């Protein structure tokens, strides 16, 4: 069932459904925090995840785990991974009932083996709804799954991210400026993006993008939806500049970028056809 998470963006509440409509109350469930980072101390890392039910229905749930990573396009849930944190995690409780208006806390403890190599270990934490099979009202509700998820990162050793700009290009099909960023470091980070777009030395547009997760020893597209509604692009060469900024325990970072990309007439045609 967690395979349904393959194409989501990170750090969202997730709702998967089978053949019945999602109950309205499902949209009122949330977890906090959505991203948990810990530095292992003496092989251990602890934390608390809160599950809040803002609906008028009781929510019965259990905890599930999967390894995951981020590829260029976004989050990808895995069946196995050398960075899998799940074998080392314990939760209390593993099953819970959250009454309407209530917040319940789930405590976790990661115990890493002394022989475990230094590195970053990750797990996708998911709270899955449990259906009451004895309830006659659920007889016709086939395959309904309400899921709320968070990501857990535990660093074993003193690790840092190291970001580099690879290239930029324009995707006319998706209407996006894409900036490829590589992280050669051993730790994941989430930079914010401040950008400026110019053509022939003249300002075209500028903006800011909230955090994009770039996984340790991986790369990722930072995707800027462009052009804004009601605006158009003309073919030609553009300059894309700005900076990435990120926070990290003990040390944040800033990475300026200044790259060019070309918009072809074919890009414009694809953009027009997709409207």
Protein backbone atom coordinates (compact mmCIF):
# COMPACT_ATOMS: atom_id res chain seq x y z
CA UNK A 1 0.00 0.00 0.00
CA UNK A 2 2.85 2.40 0.69
CA UNK A 3 3.79 2.07 -2.97
CA UNK A 4 1.00 4.59 -3.53
CA UNK A 5 3.36 7.21 -2.10
CA UNK A 6 5.83 6.84 -4.97
CA UNK A 7 4.82 9.97 -6.85
CA UNK A 8 4.05 12.39 -4.02
CA UNK A 9 6.10 15.42 -3.07
CA UNK A 10 7.76 15.21 0.29
CA UNK A 11 6.42 16.61 3.45
CA UNK A 12 2.71 16.38 2.58
CA UNK A 13 -0.24 14.69 4.22
CA UNK A 14 -1.02 11.66 2.05
CA UNK A 15 -4.46 10.27 1.26
CA UNK A 16 -4.73 7.07 -0.82
CA UNK A 17 -8.04 5.54 -1.86
CA UNK A 18 -9.21 2.30 -3.40
CA UNK A 19 -12.69 2.21 -4.94
CA UNK A 20 -14.67 4.41 -2.57
CA UNK A 21 -14.62 8.16 -2.03
CA UNK A 22 -12.33 9.52 0.64
CA UNK A 23 -14.35 10.45 3.75
CA UNK A 24 -14.47 14.21 4.20
CA UNK A 25 -12.90 13.98 7.64
CA UNK A 26 -9.67 12.50 6.21
CA UNK A 27 -8.52 15.93 5.14
CA UNK A 28 -8.54 17.07 8.77
CA UNK A 29 -5.86 14.66 10.00
CA UNK A 30 -2.27 15.82 10.31
CA UNK A 31 1.11 14.88 11.74
CA UNK A 32 3.74 17.19 13.17
CA UNK A 33 6.56 17.63 12.43
CA UNK A 34 6.63 16.51 8.80
CA UNK A 35 10.43 16.33 8.71
CA UNK A 36 12.47 15.00 11.64
CA UNK A 37 16.26 15.26 11.77
CA UNK A 38 18.40 13.76 14.51
CA UNK A 39 22.08 13.39 15.21
CA UNK A 40 22.77 9.98 16.76
CA UNK A 41 24.45 10.16 20.15
CA UNK A 42 26.02 6.95 21.48
CA UNK A 43 24.19 5.14 18.69
CA UNK A 44 20.72 6.43 19.64
CA UNK A 45 18.28 9.10 18.50
CA UNK A 46 14.84 9.83 19.91
CA UNK A 47 11.84 11.94 18.97
CA UNK A 48 8.10 12.49 19.18
CA UNK A 49 5.52 12.68 16.38
CA UNK A 50 2.10 14.20 17.12
CA UNK A 51 -1.03 12.98 15.34
CA UNK A 52 -3.95 15.43 15.45
CA UNK A 53 -7.55 14.67 14.55
CA UNK A 54 -9.46 17.86 13.72
CA UNK A 55 -12.45 15.93 12.38
CA UNK A 56 -15.63 14.74 14.08
CA UNK A 57 -14.76 11.06 13.53
CA UNK A 58 -12.59 8.70 15.57
CA UNK A 59 -9.34 7.74 13.83
CA UNK A 60 -7.90 4.26 14.51
CA UNK A 61 -4.40 3.82 13.12
CA UNK A 62 -1.13 1.94 13.12
CA UNK A 63 2.43 2.97 12.31
CA UNK A 64 4.11 1.70 9.12
CA UNK A 65 7.63 2.32 7.82
CA UNK A 66 9.41 2.23 4.47
CA UNK A 67 12.86 3.28 3.25
CA UNK A 68 12.85 6.14 0.75
CA UNK A 69 15.02 8.51 -1.22
CA UNK A 70 14.66 11.54 -3.48
CA UNK A 71 15.35 11.25 -7.19
CA UNK A 72 15.53 14.17 -9.62
CA UNK A 73 11.75 14.36 -9.96
CA UNK A 74 10.89 13.97 -6.28
CA UNK A 75 10.28 11.47 -3.49
CA UNK A 76 10.54 7.74 -4.16
CA UNK A 77 9.52 5.06 -1.68
CA UNK A 78 11.79 1.98 -1.82
CA UNK A 79 11.60 -1.69 -0.95
CA UNK A 80 15.22 -1.71 0.27
CA UNK A 81 18.07 0.75 0.64
CA UNK A 82 21.61 0.89 2.10
CA UNK A 83 20.35 3.98 3.98
CA UNK A 84 17.33 2.17 5.44
CA UNK A 85 16.57 3.30 9.00
CA UNK A 86 13.54 1.06 9.52
CA UNK A 87 15.36 -1.96 11.09
CA UNK A 88 16.62 0.28 13.90
CA UNK A 89 13.36 2.09 14.76
CA UNK A 90 10.90 1.29 17.54
CA UNK A 91 7.66 3.17 18.22
CA UNK A 92 5.34 3.52 21.19
CA UNK A 93 2.50 3.04 20.58
CA UNK A 94 2.43 1.20 17.24
CA UNK A 95 -1.37 1.38 17.17
CA UNK A 96 -3.51 4.20 18.51
CA UNK A 97 -6.97 5.71 18.63
CA UNK A 98 -7.29 9.47 18.11
CA UNK A 99 -10.64 10.89 19.17
CA UNK A 100 -12.12 14.00 17.52
CA UNK A 101 -10.24 17.12 18.55
CA UNK A 102 -7.49 15.06 20.17
CA UNK A 103 -3.72 14.98 19.64
CA UNK A 104 -1.83 11.78 20.40
CA UNK A 105 1.95 11.51 20.63
CA UNK A 106 3.98 8.65 19.16
CA UNK A 107 7.50 8.29 20.56
CA UNK A 108 10.27 6.74 18.51
CA UNK A 109 13.75 5.52 19.29
CA UNK A 110 16.46 4.71 16.75
CA UNK A 111 19.15 2.35 18.04
CA UNK A 112 22.00 1.98 15.57
CA UNK A 113 24.36 -0.97 15.66
CA UNK A 114 27.94 -0.17 16.73
CA UNK A 115 29.11 -1.77 13.49
CA UNK A 116 26.90 0.46 11.35
CA UNK A 117 28.87 2.65 8.94
CA UNK A 118 28.81 6.39 9.30
CA UNK A 119 26.16 7.95 7.11
CA UNK A 120 22.61 9.19 6.95
CA UNK A 121 19.75 6.75 7.52
CA UNK A 122 16.17 7.47 6.48
CA UNK A 123 12.62 6.19 6.94
CA UNK A 124 9.19 7.21 5.70
CA UNK A 125 6.83 7.15 8.68
CA UNK A 126 3.19 6.55 7.78
CA UNK A 127 0.09 6.39 9.96
CA UNK A 128 -2.42 4.06 8.28
CA UNK A 129 -6.10 4.02 9.05
CA UNK A 130 -7.49 0.79 10.52
CA UNK A 131 -11.00 -0.10 9.39
CA UNK A 132 -13.41 -1.62 11.86
CA UNK A 133 -14.56 -4.73 9.99
CA UNK A 134 -17.31 -5.35 12.54
CA UNK A 135 -18.93 -2.01 11.68
CA UNK A 136 -21.79 -2.65 9.19
CA UNK A 137 -21.33 0.87 7.84
CA UNK A 138 -17.95 -0.10 6.32
CA UNK A 139 -19.22 -3.10 4.32
CA UNK A 140 -19.35 -1.25 1.03
CA UNK A 141 -16.21 0.81 1.55
CA UNK A 142 -13.67 -1.19 -0.45
CA UNK A 143 -9.98 -0.41 0.00
CA UNK A 144 -10.15 2.99 1.70
CA UNK A 145 -6.77 4.01 3.09
CA UNK A 146 -6.18 7.29 4.88
CA UNK A 147 -2.49 7.99 5.35
CA UNK A 148 -0.54 10.78 6.94
CA UNK A 149 3.21 10.69 6.59
CA UNK A 150 6.48 12.20 7.76
CA UNK A 151 10.15 11.63 6.96
CA UNK A 152 12.82 10.75 9.53
CA UNK A 153 16.56 11.37 9.02
CA UNK A 154 19.17 10.11 11.49
CA UNK A 155 22.83 11.03 10.96
CA UNK A 156 25.44 8.61 12.25
CA UNK A 157 28.62 10.70 12.42
CA UNK A 158 29.49 14.33 11.77
CA UNK A 159 28.06 14.80 8.28
CA UNK A 160 27.45 17.87 6.13
CA UNK A 161 25.78 18.62 2.76
CA UNK A 162 27.84 19.91 -0.19
CA UNK A 163 25.80 21.43 -3.01
CA UNK A 164 26.85 22.20 -6.59
CA UNK A 165 24.92 23.62 -9.54
CA UNK A 166 24.94 21.28 -12.55
CA UNK A 167 22.83 23.01 -15.21
CA UNK A 168 19.57 24.81 -15.98
CA UNK A 169 17.10 24.32 -18.83
CA UNK A 170 13.52 25.10 -19.78
CA UNK A 171 10.91 22.34 -20.08
CA UNK A 172 8.18 23.61 -22.41
CA UNK A 173 5.98 20.57 -21.78
CA UNK A 174 5.70 21.10 -18.03
CA UNK A 175 6.21 24.88 -18.20
CA UNK A 176 9.12 24.82 -15.79
CA UNK A 177 12.58 26.26 -15.41
CA UNK A 178 14.62 23.40 -13.99
CA UNK A 179 17.83 23.88 -12.04
CA UNK A 180 19.76 20.66 -11.44
CA UNK A 181 21.54 20.66 -8.07
CA UNK A 182 23.89 17.90 -6.92
CA UNK A 183 24.62 17.07 -3.29
CA UNK A 184 28.00 15.33 -2.99
CA UNK A 185 27.86 15.55 0.82
CA UNK A 186 26.80 12.84 3.24
CA UNK A 187 23.81 14.75 4.67
CA UNK A 188 20.48 15.78 3.15
CA UNK A 189 19.53 19.45 3.16
CA UNK A 190 16.59 21.61 2.06
CA UNK A 191 17.65 24.85 0.36
CA UNK A 192 15.37 27.79 -0.34
CA UNK A 193 15.76 29.39 -3.77
CA UNK A 194 15.89 33.08 -4.64
CA UNK A 195 16.03 33.62 -8.41
CA UNK A 196 16.22 36.28 -11.10
CA UNK A 197 15.50 35.87 -14.82
CA UNK A 198 16.94 38.28 -17.39
CA UNK A 199 17.18 38.41 -21.19
CA UNK A 200 19.68 40.58 -23.05
CA UNK A 201 20.56 42.25 -19.75
CA UNK A 202 16.96 43.28 -19.03
CA UNK A 203 15.02 41.97 -16.00
CA UNK A 204 12.22 39.59 -16.91
CA UNK A 205 11.06 38.25 -13.55
CA UNK A 206 12.19 37.17 -10.09
CA UNK A 207 10.87 35.09 -7.24
CA UNK A 208 11.41 32.82 -4.27
CA UNK A 209 10.80 29.10 -3.82
CA UNK A 210 10.37 27.35 -0.50
CA UNK A 211 12.51 24.38 0.54
CA UNK A 212 13.43 21.62 -1.90
CA UNK A 213 14.85 18.44 -0.39
CA UNK A 214 18.17 17.37 -1.95
CA UNK A 215 19.19 14.01 -0.61
CA UNK A 216 22.71 13.08 0.47
CA UNK A 217 24.85 11.85 -2.44
CA UNK A 218 22.05 12.54 -4.91
CA UNK A 219 20.75 15.24 -7.24
CA UNK A 220 17.41 16.96 -7.69
CA UNK A 221 15.63 19.37 -9.98
CA UNK A 222 14.61 22.64 -8.39
CA UNK A 223 11.48 23.37 -10.42
CA UNK A 224 10.20 26.90 -11.05
CA UNK A 225 6.75 26.98 -12.67
CA UNK A 226 7.09 29.47 -15.53
CA UNK A 227 5.72 31.61 -17.07
CA UNK A 228 3.08 32.89 -14.64
CA UNK A 229 -0.51 32.74 -15.85
CA UNK A 230 -1.19 35.45 -18.37
CA UNK A 231 2.46 35.84 -19.35
CA UNK A 232 4.45 34.31 -22.20
CA UNK A 233 8.05 33.46 -23.02
CA UNK A 234 9.76 34.35 -26.26
CA UNK A 235 12.43 32.17 -27.86
CA UNK A 236 15.99 33.11 -27.03
CA UNK A 237 18.73 32.85 -24.43
CA UNK A 238 17.98 33.68 -20.81
CA UNK A 239 20.20 34.24 -17.80
CA UNK A 240 19.05 32.54 -14.61
CA UNK A 241 20.78 33.72 -11.44
CA UNK A 242 20.25 33.85 -7.70
CA UNK A 243 21.19 31.83 -4.66
CA UNK A 244 20.32 28.76 -2.64
CA UNK A 245 20.16 29.14 1.15
CA UNK A 246 19.86 26.37 3.68
CA UNK A 247 19.93 25.85 7.42
CA UNK A 248 21.84 22.99 8.95
CA UNK A 249 22.71 22.14 12.55
CA UNK A 250 25.74 24.21 13.59
CA UNK A 251 26.27 25.51 10.04
CA UNK A 252 24.04 26.77 7.25
CA UNK A 253 25.07 27.53 3.70
CA UNK A 254 24.63 29.80 0.69
CA UNK A 255 25.32 28.88 -2.92
CA UNK A 256 25.10 31.55 -5.66
CA UNK A 257 24.26 30.45 -9.20
CA UNK A 258 24.45 32.15 -12.59
CA UNK A 259 23.62 29.98 -15.60
CA UNK A 260 22.13 30.41 -19.06
CA UNK A 261 19.46 28.38 -20.83
CA UNK A 262 17.79 28.61 -24.23
CA UNK A 263 14.08 28.58 -25.01
CA UNK A 264 13.47 27.26 -28.50
CA UNK A 265 10.45 27.87 -30.76
CA UNK A 266 9.55 24.20 -30.19
CA UNK A 267 9.42 24.85 -26.42
CA UNK A 268 6.97 27.66 -27.02
CA UNK A 269 4.81 25.43 -29.24
CA UNK A 270 4.70 22.70 -26.59
CA UNK A 271 3.82 25.31 -24.00
CA UNK A 272 0.95 26.61 -26.12
CA UNK A 273 -0.43 23.13 -26.85
CA UNK A 274 -0.53 22.23 -23.16
CA UNK A 275 -2.79 25.20 -22.28
